[in-house]
């Protein structure tokens, strides 16, 4: 199994689930896991994948950060008879037979619903600006999540302006700096911040 990043609590939970399945079902699977330290290190994820394929495992489960960069290696694995399942982020290949993930557009919409509910509960009118902080550009999971948030917010709170997305290389310090910059530039107009993954939302935003 190849995850997106070892520095993420979310992916540590995924590892735990996979490893526990292997321990509980030793006759079905022996699970090994790999991943780059940082989600932004797409090149290392590709290198890990290529190295694993060279060892000819029975199967590979991968959360590919990029929808494109891992495709040549994954198609090579399939051509060699290695079973491939992608999770979390869909890759652009018709050869990959299985994909499991949440619906990120729905997830983003649910976040918009929750933000609106929280604002109403605090007596804040649904009018003003909302900042959007994203981990990385060009990642389909995040693109869908952000689109779901924007579309739903436009539907339920048309007087809220969701600002241009700020990308932060999945770096907590950069996300904090972006949130502070948005707060400074927007002042009293700012009524909320939406951070689209656990790293961008890891620091408290005042």
Protein backbone atom coordinates (compact mmCIF):
# COMPACT_ATOMS: atom_id res chain seq x y z
CA UNK A 1 0.00 0.00 0.00
CA UNK A 2 1.28 3.45 -0.94
CA UNK A 3 -0.12 6.48 0.86
CA UNK A 4 0.22 10.16 0.05
CA UNK A 5 2.25 11.26 3.07
CA UNK A 6 3.62 9.74 6.26
CA UNK A 7 3.47 13.08 8.12
CA UNK A 8 -0.34 13.10 8.04
CA UNK A 9 -2.48 11.77 10.88
CA UNK A 10 -5.18 10.90 8.35
CA UNK A 11 -2.90 8.58 6.41
CA UNK A 12 -1.61 7.03 9.63
CA UNK A 13 -5.18 5.92 10.31
CA UNK A 14 -5.36 4.41 6.82
CA UNK A 15 -2.12 2.53 7.48
CA UNK A 16 -3.48 1.22 10.77
CA UNK A 17 -6.61 -0.08 9.08
CA UNK A 18 -4.70 -1.84 6.32
CA UNK A 19 -2.10 -3.36 8.63
CA UNK A 20 -4.76 -4.57 11.06
CA UNK A 21 -6.63 -6.23 8.21
CA UNK A 22 -3.47 -8.10 7.28
CA UNK A 23 -2.90 -9.17 10.87
CA UNK A 24 -6.51 -10.34 11.23
CA UNK A 25 -6.50 -12.13 7.86
CA UNK A 26 -3.00 -13.56 7.37
CA UNK A 27 -4.31 -16.16 4.95
CA UNK A 28 -5.59 -13.40 2.65
CA UNK A 29 -2.99 -10.65 2.73
CA UNK A 30 0.41 -9.60 3.99
CA UNK A 31 0.36 -5.80 4.07
CA UNK A 32 3.39 -3.55 3.69
CA UNK A 33 3.06 0.21 3.46
CA UNK A 34 5.13 2.99 1.93
CA UNK A 35 4.85 6.70 1.23
CA UNK A 36 6.77 9.95 0.92
CA UNK A 37 7.06 12.06 4.04
CA UNK A 38 5.32 15.01 2.40
CA UNK A 39 2.27 14.95 0.14
CA UNK A 40 3.85 17.51 -2.17
CA UNK A 41 6.69 15.10 -2.99
CA UNK A 42 4.99 13.49 -5.96
CA UNK A 43 8.31 12.44 -7.50
CA UNK A 44 9.19 10.32 -4.48
CA UNK A 45 5.79 8.65 -4.55
CA UNK A 46 6.36 7.69 -8.19
CA UNK A 47 9.83 6.33 -7.35
CA UNK A 48 8.41 4.24 -4.50
CA UNK A 49 5.74 2.86 -6.81
CA UNK A 50 8.27 1.89 -9.47
CA UNK A 51 10.46 0.18 -6.88
CA UNK A 52 7.52 -1.78 -5.48
CA UNK A 53 6.45 -2.90 -8.95
CA UNK A 54 9.97 -4.24 -9.54
CA UNK A 55 9.44 -6.56 -6.54
CA UNK A 56 6.32 -7.99 -8.23
CA UNK A 57 3.76 -7.98 -5.40
CA UNK A 58 0.39 -9.63 -5.90
CA UNK A 59 -1.38 -6.32 -5.56
CA UNK A 60 -0.93 -2.60 -5.00
CA UNK A 61 -3.29 -0.20 -3.26
CA UNK A 62 -2.30 3.42 -3.86
CA UNK A 63 -3.56 6.85 -2.93
CA UNK A 64 -1.96 8.68 -5.82
CA UNK A 65 -1.41 12.34 -5.08
CA UNK A 66 -1.32 13.16 -8.78
CA UNK A 67 -3.93 11.90 -11.23
CA UNK A 68 -1.30 11.68 -13.98
CA UNK A 69 2.24 11.14 -12.65
CA UNK A 70 1.71 7.55 -11.49
CA UNK A 71 -0.24 6.41 -14.55
CA UNK A 72 2.66 4.95 -16.61
CA UNK A 73 3.87 2.87 -13.66
CA UNK A 74 0.37 1.73 -12.71
CA UNK A 75 -0.40 0.66 -16.27
CA UNK A 76 2.91 -1.21 -16.36
CA UNK A 77 1.95 -3.01 -13.14
CA UNK A 78 -1.40 -4.00 -14.61
CA UNK A 79 0.30 -5.26 -17.77
CA UNK A 80 2.48 -7.46 -15.53
CA UNK A 81 -0.59 -8.98 -13.90
CA UNK A 82 -0.36 -7.06 -10.63
CA UNK A 83 -3.77 -6.17 -9.19
CA UNK A 84 -4.16 -2.40 -8.75
CA UNK A 85 -6.67 -0.49 -6.65
CA UNK A 86 -6.61 3.29 -6.32
CA UNK A 87 -8.07 5.09 -3.32
CA UNK A 88 -8.89 8.71 -2.48
CA UNK A 89 -7.75 10.24 -5.79
CA UNK A 90 -8.74 8.86 -9.20
CA UNK A 91 -6.01 8.53 -11.82
CA UNK A 92 -6.52 9.26 -15.50
CA UNK A 93 -6.36 5.73 -16.86
CA UNK A 94 -9.03 3.41 -18.20
CA UNK A 95 -6.81 0.44 -17.34
CA UNK A 96 -7.12 0.85 -13.58
CA UNK A 97 -10.09 -1.39 -12.67
CA UNK A 98 -10.93 -0.27 -9.14
CA UNK A 99 -11.27 3.06 -7.35
CA UNK A 100 -12.58 3.75 -3.85
CA UNK A 101 -13.15 7.22 -2.41
CA UNK A 102 -15.54 9.61 -0.81
CA UNK A 103 -17.50 12.04 -3.00
CA UNK A 104 -15.45 15.18 -2.46
CA UNK A 105 -17.94 17.54 -4.09
CA UNK A 106 -20.52 16.36 -1.58
CA UNK A 107 -17.95 16.67 1.19
CA UNK A 108 -17.19 20.25 0.22
CA UNK A 109 -20.90 21.06 0.12
CA UNK A 110 -21.34 19.62 3.61
CA UNK A 111 -18.54 21.89 4.83
CA UNK A 112 -20.37 24.90 3.39
CA UNK A 113 -23.57 23.81 5.13
CA UNK A 114 -21.72 23.47 8.42
CA UNK A 115 -20.04 26.85 8.10
CA UNK A 116 -23.37 28.53 7.37
CA UNK A 117 -24.95 26.77 10.35
CA UNK A 118 -22.10 27.85 12.63
CA UNK A 119 -22.37 31.46 11.48
CA UNK A 120 -26.13 31.48 12.04
CA UNK A 121 -25.67 29.99 15.50
CA UNK A 122 -23.32 32.86 16.38
CA UNK A 123 -25.73 35.44 14.99
CA UNK A 124 -23.41 36.36 12.12
CA UNK A 125 -25.29 37.44 8.97
CA UNK A 126 -24.48 35.37 5.88
CA UNK A 127 -22.82 38.31 4.19
CA UNK A 128 -19.13 39.07 3.72
CA UNK A 129 -16.07 37.17 2.55
CA UNK A 130 -14.80 33.65 3.17
CA UNK A 131 -11.19 32.68 2.55
CA UNK A 132 -10.34 29.38 0.88
CA UNK A 133 -6.98 27.80 1.69
CA UNK A 134 -5.99 24.76 -0.37
CA UNK A 135 -3.13 22.34 0.13
CA UNK A 136 -2.11 22.02 -3.52
CA UNK A 137 -3.12 23.05 -7.02
CA UNK A 138 -4.02 20.49 -9.66
CA UNK A 139 -5.07 17.72 -7.25
CA UNK A 140 -8.49 16.39 -8.27
CA UNK A 141 -9.60 15.49 -4.75
CA UNK A 142 -9.02 19.06 -3.59
CA UNK A 143 -10.38 20.61 -6.78
CA UNK A 144 -13.64 18.71 -6.30
CA UNK A 145 -13.82 19.50 -2.58
CA UNK A 146 -13.27 23.21 -3.17
CA UNK A 147 -15.79 23.29 -6.04
CA UNK A 148 -18.38 21.59 -3.84
CA UNK A 149 -17.80 24.20 -1.14
CA UNK A 150 -18.00 27.13 -3.54
CA UNK A 151 -21.08 25.89 -5.37
CA UNK A 152 -22.99 25.12 -2.19
CA UNK A 153 -22.08 28.41 -0.54
CA UNK A 154 -23.26 30.30 -3.62
CA UNK A 155 -26.54 28.40 -3.40
CA UNK A 156 -27.27 28.86 0.31
CA UNK A 157 -25.57 32.21 0.93
CA UNK A 158 -25.36 34.26 -2.28
CA UNK A 159 -24.20 37.34 -0.35
CA UNK A 160 -21.02 35.55 0.73
CA UNK A 161 -18.03 36.00 -1.57
CA UNK A 162 -15.66 33.02 -1.45
CA UNK A 163 -12.27 34.51 -2.24
CA UNK A 164 -9.71 33.29 -4.75
CA UNK A 165 -8.07 30.06 -3.61
CA UNK A 166 -4.73 30.37 -1.82
CA UNK A 167 -2.43 27.38 -2.41
CA UNK A 168 0.07 26.44 0.29
CA UNK A 169 2.10 23.40 -0.88
CA UNK A 170 0.49 21.33 1.90
CA UNK A 171 2.66 23.24 4.37
CA UNK A 172 1.18 24.12 7.77
CA UNK A 173 3.31 27.25 8.20
CA UNK A 174 2.33 28.53 4.75
CA UNK A 175 -1.33 27.83 5.49
CA UNK A 176 -1.10 29.83 8.71
CA UNK A 177 0.62 32.69 6.87
CA UNK A 178 -2.08 32.62 4.19
CA UNK A 179 -4.84 32.77 6.80
CA UNK A 180 -3.16 35.72 8.52
CA UNK A 181 -2.74 37.51 5.19
CA UNK A 182 -6.39 36.97 4.31
CA UNK A 183 -7.42 38.26 7.72
CA UNK A 184 -5.29 41.38 7.32
CA UNK A 185 -6.47 42.13 3.79
CA UNK A 186 -10.17 41.47 4.43
CA UNK A 187 -10.56 42.93 7.90
CA UNK A 188 -14.13 43.00 9.19
CA UNK A 189 -15.48 41.69 5.89
CA UNK A 190 -14.00 38.24 6.62
CA UNK A 191 -16.50 35.94 8.32
CA UNK A 192 -14.90 32.54 7.73
CA UNK A 193 -12.05 30.42 6.41
CA UNK A 194 -12.33 27.08 4.64
CA UNK A 195 -9.20 24.90 4.70
CA UNK A 196 -9.48 21.89 2.40
CA UNK A 197 -7.35 19.29 4.17
CA UNK A 198 -5.93 18.42 7.58
CA UNK A 199 -2.64 20.26 7.03
CA UNK A 200 -4.18 23.52 5.84
CA UNK A 201 -6.55 23.43 8.80
CA UNK A 202 -4.04 22.22 11.39
CA UNK A 203 -3.30 25.60 12.95
CA UNK A 204 -5.98 27.66 14.69
CA UNK A 205 -7.15 30.52 12.49
CA UNK A 206 -8.18 33.58 14.46
